[in-house]
Structure formats: structure tokens, C-alpha cells
N, C-alpha and C. Protein backbone atom coordinates (compact mmCIF):
# COMPACT_ATOMS: atom_id res chain seq x y z
N MET A 1 11.09 -21.75 2.94
CA MET A 1 10.70 -20.37 2.78
C MET A 1 10.77 -19.67 4.14
N ALA A 2 11.23 -18.44 4.11
CA ALA A 2 11.33 -17.65 5.32
C ALA A 2 9.95 -17.19 5.79
N ARG A 3 9.81 -17.00 7.09
CA ARG A 3 8.55 -16.48 7.63
C ARG A 3 8.41 -15.01 7.28
N ASN A 4 7.22 -14.61 6.96
CA ASN A 4 6.97 -13.22 6.60
C ASN A 4 6.54 -12.46 7.85
N ILE A 5 7.46 -11.67 8.39
CA ILE A 5 7.15 -10.94 9.63
C ILE A 5 6.16 -9.81 9.41
N ALA A 6 5.91 -9.45 8.15
CA ALA A 6 4.92 -8.40 7.88
C ALA A 6 3.53 -8.84 8.34
N LYS A 7 3.30 -10.14 8.40
CA LYS A 7 2.00 -10.67 8.85
C LYS A 7 1.66 -10.16 10.25
N ARG A 8 2.65 -10.07 11.12
CA ARG A 8 2.42 -9.59 12.49
C ARG A 8 1.99 -8.13 12.54
N PHE A 9 2.49 -7.33 11.59
CA PHE A 9 2.19 -5.90 11.58
C PHE A 9 0.91 -5.57 10.82
N ALA A 10 0.48 -6.47 9.96
CA ALA A 10 -0.69 -6.23 9.11
C ALA A 10 -1.97 -6.46 9.92
N THR A 11 -2.35 -5.48 10.70
CA THR A 11 -3.48 -5.62 11.61
C THR A 11 -4.70 -4.80 11.19
N MET A 12 -4.60 -4.09 10.08
CA MET A 12 -5.70 -3.25 9.61
C MET A 12 -6.25 -3.80 8.30
N LYS A 13 -7.54 -3.57 8.05
CA LYS A 13 -8.12 -3.88 6.75
C LYS A 13 -8.11 -2.58 5.94
N LEU A 14 -7.44 -2.62 4.80
CA LEU A 14 -7.30 -1.46 3.94
C LEU A 14 -7.93 -1.74 2.59
N LEU A 15 -8.14 -0.69 1.80
CA LEU A 15 -8.65 -0.84 0.44
C LEU A 15 -7.59 -0.42 -0.56
N TYR A 16 -7.54 -1.14 -1.69
CA TYR A 16 -6.58 -0.85 -2.75
C TYR A 16 -7.29 -0.85 -4.10
N TRP A 17 -7.04 0.20 -4.88
CA TRP A 17 -7.54 0.31 -6.24
C TRP A 17 -6.35 0.16 -7.18
N LYS A 18 -6.30 -0.93 -7.93
CA LYS A 18 -5.21 -1.18 -8.87
C LYS A 18 -5.39 -0.31 -10.11
N PRO A 19 -4.29 0.31 -10.60
CA PRO A 19 -4.41 1.15 -11.79
C PRO A 19 -4.47 0.32 -13.07
N ILE A 20 -5.21 0.82 -14.04
CA ILE A 20 -5.27 0.25 -15.39
C ILE A 20 -4.84 1.37 -16.33
N ILE A 21 -3.68 1.17 -16.98
CA ILE A 21 -3.17 2.18 -17.89
C ILE A 21 -3.86 2.00 -19.24
N THR A 22 -4.51 3.05 -19.72
CA THR A 22 -5.20 2.99 -21.01
C THR A 22 -4.60 4.07 -21.92
N GLY A 23 -5.01 4.06 -23.16
CA GLY A 23 -4.52 5.05 -24.11
C GLY A 23 -4.96 6.47 -23.76
N SER A 24 -6.03 6.58 -23.00
CA SER A 24 -6.53 7.91 -22.65
C SER A 24 -6.24 8.30 -21.20
N GLY A 25 -5.44 7.52 -20.50
CA GLY A 25 -5.10 7.87 -19.12
C GLY A 25 -5.10 6.66 -18.21
N VAL A 26 -5.39 6.91 -16.94
CA VAL A 26 -5.38 5.85 -15.93
C VAL A 26 -6.79 5.67 -15.38
N LYS A 27 -7.26 4.43 -15.42
CA LYS A 27 -8.51 4.06 -14.75
C LYS A 27 -8.13 3.15 -13.61
N HIS A 28 -9.10 2.75 -12.80
CA HIS A 28 -8.81 1.89 -11.66
C HIS A 28 -9.82 0.76 -11.57
N GLU A 29 -9.32 -0.41 -11.17
CA GLU A 29 -10.19 -1.55 -10.94
C GLU A 29 -11.05 -1.28 -9.71
N ALA A 30 -12.03 -2.12 -9.50
CA ALA A 30 -12.84 -2.03 -8.28
C ALA A 30 -11.93 -2.25 -7.07
N PRO A 31 -12.24 -1.64 -5.94
CA PRO A 31 -11.37 -1.80 -4.77
C PRO A 31 -11.39 -3.22 -4.22
N VAL A 32 -10.23 -3.63 -3.69
CA VAL A 32 -10.13 -4.91 -2.99
C VAL A 32 -9.67 -4.64 -1.56
N GLU A 33 -10.12 -5.47 -0.65
CA GLU A 33 -9.75 -5.34 0.75
C GLU A 33 -8.55 -6.24 1.01
N PHE A 34 -7.60 -5.77 1.78
CA PHE A 34 -6.41 -6.55 2.10
C PHE A 34 -5.94 -6.18 3.50
N LYS A 35 -5.03 -6.99 4.02
CA LYS A 35 -4.45 -6.72 5.34
C LYS A 35 -3.20 -5.87 5.15
N GLY A 36 -3.05 -4.89 5.99
CA GLY A 36 -1.89 -4.01 5.91
C GLY A 36 -1.83 -3.15 7.16
N PHE A 37 -1.11 -2.04 7.04
CA PHE A 37 -0.98 -1.14 8.17
C PHE A 37 -0.57 0.24 7.69
N TYR A 38 -1.25 1.26 8.21
CA TYR A 38 -0.86 2.64 7.93
C TYR A 38 0.27 2.98 8.89
N ILE A 39 1.48 3.11 8.37
CA ILE A 39 2.66 3.37 9.20
C ILE A 39 2.66 4.81 9.68
N GLY A 40 2.31 5.72 8.80
CA GLY A 40 2.26 7.13 9.19
C GLY A 40 3.33 7.96 8.54
N ASN A 41 3.60 9.08 9.13
CA ASN A 41 4.54 10.06 8.61
C ASN A 41 5.96 9.63 8.98
N ALA A 42 6.62 8.95 8.06
CA ALA A 42 7.94 8.39 8.35
C ALA A 42 8.77 8.37 7.08
N ALA A 43 10.00 7.87 7.19
CA ALA A 43 10.90 7.76 6.04
C ALA A 43 11.88 6.64 6.28
N PHE A 44 12.47 6.15 5.18
CA PHE A 44 13.60 5.23 5.30
C PHE A 44 14.82 6.09 5.59
N GLY A 45 15.81 5.53 6.26
CA GLY A 45 17.03 6.28 6.55
C GLY A 45 17.76 6.68 5.28
N ASP A 46 18.79 7.49 5.41
CA ASP A 46 19.54 7.97 4.26
C ASP A 46 20.15 6.84 3.45
N GLY A 47 20.40 5.70 4.07
CA GLY A 47 21.00 4.57 3.38
C GLY A 47 20.00 3.69 2.67
N GLY A 48 18.75 4.10 2.54
CA GLY A 48 17.74 3.29 1.88
C GLY A 48 17.11 2.31 2.82
N ILE A 49 16.66 1.19 2.28
CA ILE A 49 15.89 0.25 3.09
C ILE A 49 16.75 -0.53 4.07
N SER A 50 18.08 -0.39 4.00
CA SER A 50 18.93 -1.08 4.97
C SER A 50 18.86 -0.44 6.34
N GLU A 51 18.35 0.77 6.40
CA GLU A 51 18.18 1.44 7.69
C GLU A 51 16.74 1.30 8.15
N MET A 52 16.48 1.68 9.35
CA MET A 52 15.15 1.54 9.92
C MET A 52 14.21 2.61 9.39
N VAL A 53 12.92 2.30 9.43
CA VAL A 53 11.90 3.30 9.16
C VAL A 53 11.82 4.17 10.40
N ALA A 54 11.89 5.47 10.21
CA ALA A 54 11.90 6.38 11.37
C ALA A 54 11.22 7.69 11.01
N SER A 55 10.94 8.48 12.01
CA SER A 55 10.32 9.79 11.77
C SER A 55 11.29 10.93 12.07
N ARG A 56 12.57 10.62 12.17
CA ARG A 56 13.52 11.65 12.56
C ARG A 56 14.17 12.37 11.38
N PHE A 57 13.89 11.93 10.15
CA PHE A 57 14.53 12.50 8.98
C PHE A 57 13.75 13.71 8.48
N ASP A 58 14.42 14.56 7.70
CA ASP A 58 13.79 15.78 7.18
C ASP A 58 12.67 15.48 6.19
N LYS A 59 12.90 14.56 5.27
CA LYS A 59 11.91 14.25 4.25
C LYS A 59 11.11 13.03 4.69
N ARG A 60 9.84 13.23 5.00
CA ARG A 60 8.99 12.13 5.44
C ARG A 60 7.77 12.04 4.53
N ASP A 61 7.24 10.83 4.41
CA ASP A 61 6.04 10.58 3.62
C ASP A 61 5.08 9.76 4.46
N ASN A 62 3.84 9.69 4.01
CA ASN A 62 2.91 8.76 4.61
C ASN A 62 3.21 7.39 4.01
N LEU A 63 3.55 6.44 4.86
CA LEU A 63 3.92 5.10 4.41
C LEU A 63 2.82 4.11 4.80
N VAL A 64 2.60 3.13 3.92
CA VAL A 64 1.59 2.11 4.16
C VAL A 64 2.20 0.74 3.85
N LEU A 65 2.00 -0.22 4.75
CA LEU A 65 2.47 -1.60 4.57
C LEU A 65 1.38 -2.42 3.87
N PHE A 66 1.75 -3.14 2.82
CA PHE A 66 0.86 -4.06 2.12
C PHE A 66 1.34 -5.48 2.41
N TYR A 67 0.41 -6.36 2.78
CA TYR A 67 0.73 -7.76 3.04
C TYR A 67 -0.16 -8.63 2.16
N LEU A 68 0.45 -9.52 1.38
CA LEU A 68 -0.22 -10.42 0.44
C LEU A 68 -1.06 -9.66 -0.60
N CYS A 69 -0.62 -8.48 -0.95
CA CYS A 69 -1.26 -7.67 -1.99
C CYS A 69 -0.15 -6.83 -2.61
N GLU A 70 0.05 -6.99 -3.92
CA GLU A 70 1.15 -6.28 -4.59
C GLU A 70 0.67 -4.97 -5.17
N PRO A 71 1.05 -3.85 -4.59
CA PRO A 71 0.59 -2.54 -5.06
C PRO A 71 1.40 -2.06 -6.27
N GLU A 72 0.83 -1.11 -6.98
CA GLU A 72 1.50 -0.49 -8.13
C GLU A 72 1.42 1.02 -8.00
N VAL A 73 2.43 1.70 -8.57
CA VAL A 73 2.42 3.16 -8.62
C VAL A 73 1.19 3.60 -9.41
N ASP A 74 0.59 4.69 -8.99
CA ASP A 74 -0.64 5.28 -9.56
C ASP A 74 -1.90 4.57 -9.08
N GLY A 75 -1.76 3.56 -8.22
CA GLY A 75 -2.93 2.97 -7.59
C GLY A 75 -3.35 3.85 -6.43
N TYR A 76 -4.44 3.51 -5.79
CA TYR A 76 -4.92 4.26 -4.63
C TYR A 76 -5.09 3.32 -3.45
N VAL A 77 -4.93 3.87 -2.26
CA VAL A 77 -5.13 3.12 -1.03
C VAL A 77 -5.92 3.98 -0.05
N SER A 78 -6.69 3.31 0.79
CA SER A 78 -7.42 4.00 1.86
C SER A 78 -7.39 3.16 3.11
N TRP A 79 -7.09 3.79 4.23
CA TRP A 79 -7.12 3.11 5.51
C TRP A 79 -8.32 3.57 6.33
N LYS A 80 -9.15 4.45 5.78
CA LYS A 80 -10.33 4.93 6.49
C LYS A 80 -11.62 4.38 5.91
N ASN A 81 -11.68 4.17 4.58
CA ASN A 81 -12.88 3.64 3.95
C ASN A 81 -12.92 2.11 4.10
N THR A 82 -14.13 1.56 4.06
CA THR A 82 -14.28 0.10 4.05
C THR A 82 -15.10 -0.29 2.82
N LEU A 83 -14.93 -1.53 2.41
CA LEU A 83 -15.66 -2.04 1.26
C LEU A 83 -17.16 -2.03 1.55
N ALA A 84 -17.55 -2.37 2.76
CA ALA A 84 -18.97 -2.39 3.14
C ALA A 84 -19.58 -0.99 3.05
N GLU A 85 -18.87 0.03 3.51
CA GLU A 85 -19.37 1.41 3.44
C GLU A 85 -19.53 1.87 2.00
N LEU A 86 -18.53 1.61 1.16
CA LEU A 86 -18.61 2.02 -0.23
C LEU A 86 -19.75 1.32 -0.95
N THR A 87 -19.97 0.04 -0.64
CA THR A 87 -21.07 -0.71 -1.25
C THR A 87 -22.40 -0.13 -0.81
N GLU A 88 -22.53 0.11 0.49
CA GLU A 88 -23.78 0.64 1.05
C GLU A 88 -24.13 2.01 0.47
N GLU A 89 -23.11 2.85 0.24
CA GLU A 89 -23.34 4.19 -0.28
C GLU A 89 -23.36 4.24 -1.81
N GLY A 90 -23.16 3.08 -2.47
CA GLY A 90 -23.19 3.03 -3.93
C GLY A 90 -22.01 3.70 -4.59
N LEU A 91 -20.84 3.67 -3.95
CA LEU A 91 -19.65 4.37 -4.45
C LEU A 91 -18.58 3.44 -5.02
N LEU A 92 -18.90 2.17 -5.26
CA LEU A 92 -17.89 1.23 -5.76
C LEU A 92 -17.38 1.61 -7.14
N ASP A 93 -18.22 2.20 -7.98
CA ASP A 93 -17.82 2.54 -9.34
C ASP A 93 -17.24 3.94 -9.46
N VAL A 94 -17.19 4.68 -8.38
CA VAL A 94 -16.64 6.04 -8.39
C VAL A 94 -15.12 5.96 -8.41
N SER A 95 -14.50 6.84 -9.18
CA SER A 95 -13.03 6.89 -9.24
C SER A 95 -12.47 7.18 -7.85
N PRO A 96 -11.40 6.48 -7.45
CA PRO A 96 -10.85 6.72 -6.10
C PRO A 96 -10.33 8.15 -5.93
N SER A 97 -9.98 8.81 -7.02
CA SER A 97 -9.50 10.20 -6.90
C SER A 97 -10.62 11.14 -6.48
N GLU A 98 -11.87 10.72 -6.66
CA GLU A 98 -13.03 11.55 -6.29
C GLU A 98 -13.56 11.22 -4.90
N LEU A 99 -13.04 10.17 -4.28
CA LEU A 99 -13.51 9.76 -2.96
C LEU A 99 -12.70 10.45 -1.87
N LYS A 100 -13.33 10.65 -0.74
CA LYS A 100 -12.67 11.22 0.43
C LYS A 100 -11.77 10.15 1.08
N ASP A 101 -10.64 10.55 1.61
CA ASP A 101 -9.73 9.68 2.36
C ASP A 101 -9.09 8.59 1.51
N THR A 102 -8.81 8.87 0.24
CA THR A 102 -8.03 7.96 -0.60
C THR A 102 -6.71 8.65 -0.92
N HIS A 103 -5.67 7.84 -1.13
CA HIS A 103 -4.33 8.40 -1.32
C HIS A 103 -3.65 7.73 -2.51
N LEU A 104 -3.05 8.55 -3.37
CA LEU A 104 -2.35 8.08 -4.56
C LEU A 104 -0.99 7.51 -4.19
N ILE A 105 -0.67 6.33 -4.72
CA ILE A 105 0.61 5.69 -4.46
C ILE A 105 1.66 6.29 -5.39
N LYS A 106 2.72 6.85 -4.82
CA LYS A 106 3.75 7.47 -5.66
C LYS A 106 5.03 6.63 -5.76
N SER A 107 5.27 5.71 -4.83
CA SER A 107 6.41 4.80 -4.95
C SER A 107 6.14 3.53 -4.17
N VAL A 108 6.78 2.43 -4.61
CA VAL A 108 6.61 1.13 -3.98
C VAL A 108 7.99 0.56 -3.69
N THR A 109 8.22 0.12 -2.47
CA THR A 109 9.46 -0.56 -2.08
C THR A 109 9.12 -2.00 -1.71
N VAL A 110 9.82 -2.94 -2.32
CA VAL A 110 9.60 -4.36 -2.05
C VAL A 110 10.67 -4.84 -1.08
N LEU A 111 10.24 -5.44 0.02
CA LEU A 111 11.15 -6.01 1.01
C LEU A 111 10.96 -7.51 1.04
N THR A 112 11.99 -8.27 0.64
CA THR A 112 11.92 -9.73 0.66
C THR A 112 12.47 -10.21 1.99
N MET A 113 11.78 -11.17 2.60
CA MET A 113 12.19 -11.66 3.91
C MET A 113 13.55 -12.35 3.82
N LEU A 114 14.34 -12.19 4.87
CA LEU A 114 15.65 -12.84 4.94
C LEU A 114 15.49 -14.35 4.86
N GLY A 115 16.41 -15.00 4.20
CA GLY A 115 16.38 -16.45 4.07
C GLY A 115 15.57 -16.94 2.88
N SER A 116 14.97 -16.02 2.13
CA SER A 116 14.19 -16.40 0.96
C SER A 116 15.10 -16.59 -0.24
N LYS A 117 14.82 -17.60 -1.04
CA LYS A 117 15.63 -17.86 -2.23
C LYS A 117 15.14 -17.08 -3.43
N SER A 118 13.87 -16.69 -3.43
CA SER A 118 13.32 -15.90 -4.51
C SER A 118 12.24 -14.98 -3.94
N THR A 119 11.87 -14.00 -4.73
CA THR A 119 10.85 -13.06 -4.29
C THR A 119 9.48 -13.53 -4.76
N THR A 120 8.61 -13.81 -3.82
CA THR A 120 7.23 -14.19 -4.13
C THR A 120 6.30 -13.33 -3.30
N LEU A 121 5.02 -13.38 -3.61
CA LEU A 121 4.04 -12.61 -2.85
C LEU A 121 4.02 -13.04 -1.38
N GLN A 122 4.19 -14.33 -1.12
CA GLN A 122 4.12 -14.86 0.24
C GLN A 122 5.30 -14.48 1.12
N ASN A 123 6.47 -14.19 0.53
CA ASN A 123 7.62 -13.85 1.36
C ASN A 123 8.07 -12.41 1.17
N SER A 124 7.14 -11.55 0.74
CA SER A 124 7.47 -10.14 0.52
C SER A 124 6.55 -9.23 1.33
N ALA A 125 7.06 -8.08 1.62
CA ALA A 125 6.26 -7.00 2.20
C ALA A 125 6.47 -5.81 1.27
N TYR A 126 5.43 -5.04 1.09
CA TYR A 126 5.49 -3.86 0.23
C TYR A 126 5.21 -2.64 1.08
N ILE A 127 6.08 -1.65 0.97
CA ILE A 127 5.85 -0.39 1.67
C ILE A 127 5.72 0.68 0.61
N VAL A 128 4.58 1.35 0.63
CA VAL A 128 4.32 2.38 -0.36
C VAL A 128 4.35 3.76 0.28
N SER A 129 4.72 4.72 -0.54
CA SER A 129 4.69 6.12 -0.16
C SER A 129 3.50 6.74 -0.87
N VAL A 130 2.66 7.44 -0.14
CA VAL A 130 1.43 8.00 -0.73
C VAL A 130 1.39 9.51 -0.59
N VAL A 131 0.58 10.10 -1.47
CA VAL A 131 0.36 11.55 -1.46
C VAL A 131 -0.90 11.81 -0.68
């Protein structure tokens, strides 16, 4: 198995709320803490993921790296809130859309490490674009 270089960049503790699609809309599971990194206002080059992530392009999004956590579209992520703070304030059951400093995931890009024979959680990095 190839080494996952995303591990070196995943230096922040972030929160992720996984979406649950129901007949009446979207709900979210309780938040989980994971290692990742808020990349910032950037974009993939015009050629897609084969180019570098950069901030020089016209269309930029807030990008977030997920390591050992598989995100889904319509989930939420926060790089400012912590699980301890939400627990202390009694906000664990509050919808992430109602919390301050949470961001809706609008797209997910999966990057499999070079030299990998298959895509698994351990040899993948996920970069999401958030609103």
C-alpha cells in the first residue's frame, strides 16, 4: 500500500456532520472529530485534479482536506468549533445549519495515493468544496 501523504497535512482537528437523507429532507448525525486541514480560498487548475491546488484561478472555493474520514455532499464541516465546546454549551443536538462557523459541503474530490492498487479509506485523501 502506498503511503498517504495527506497525513502530513492533516494537522487540525475538525468537525464533520454526516448527512442522513430522509423522506422529508436532510438530517445530520452527531458531529465527529477528525484530522484534516482548512486549505482556504483556492481551486484546482483548469485541468482538474491533475494540476496543483492554487489561488491564482478566477473561480475559487473554500477547500478542506479530510484524512481518514469520508465526507459526503450535503454534510457539514467546521474548522472553528470543537466537540468539547459544543458539548459544554449543550449544542450537540442542534442542526449544523443553525450553528455559527459551519459550512455545507457542495462537492467531494477523492484523491487516491500513487502506487495504490485500490481505493480505500487508508490510502485516500478527500478534498471538499464548501459554501
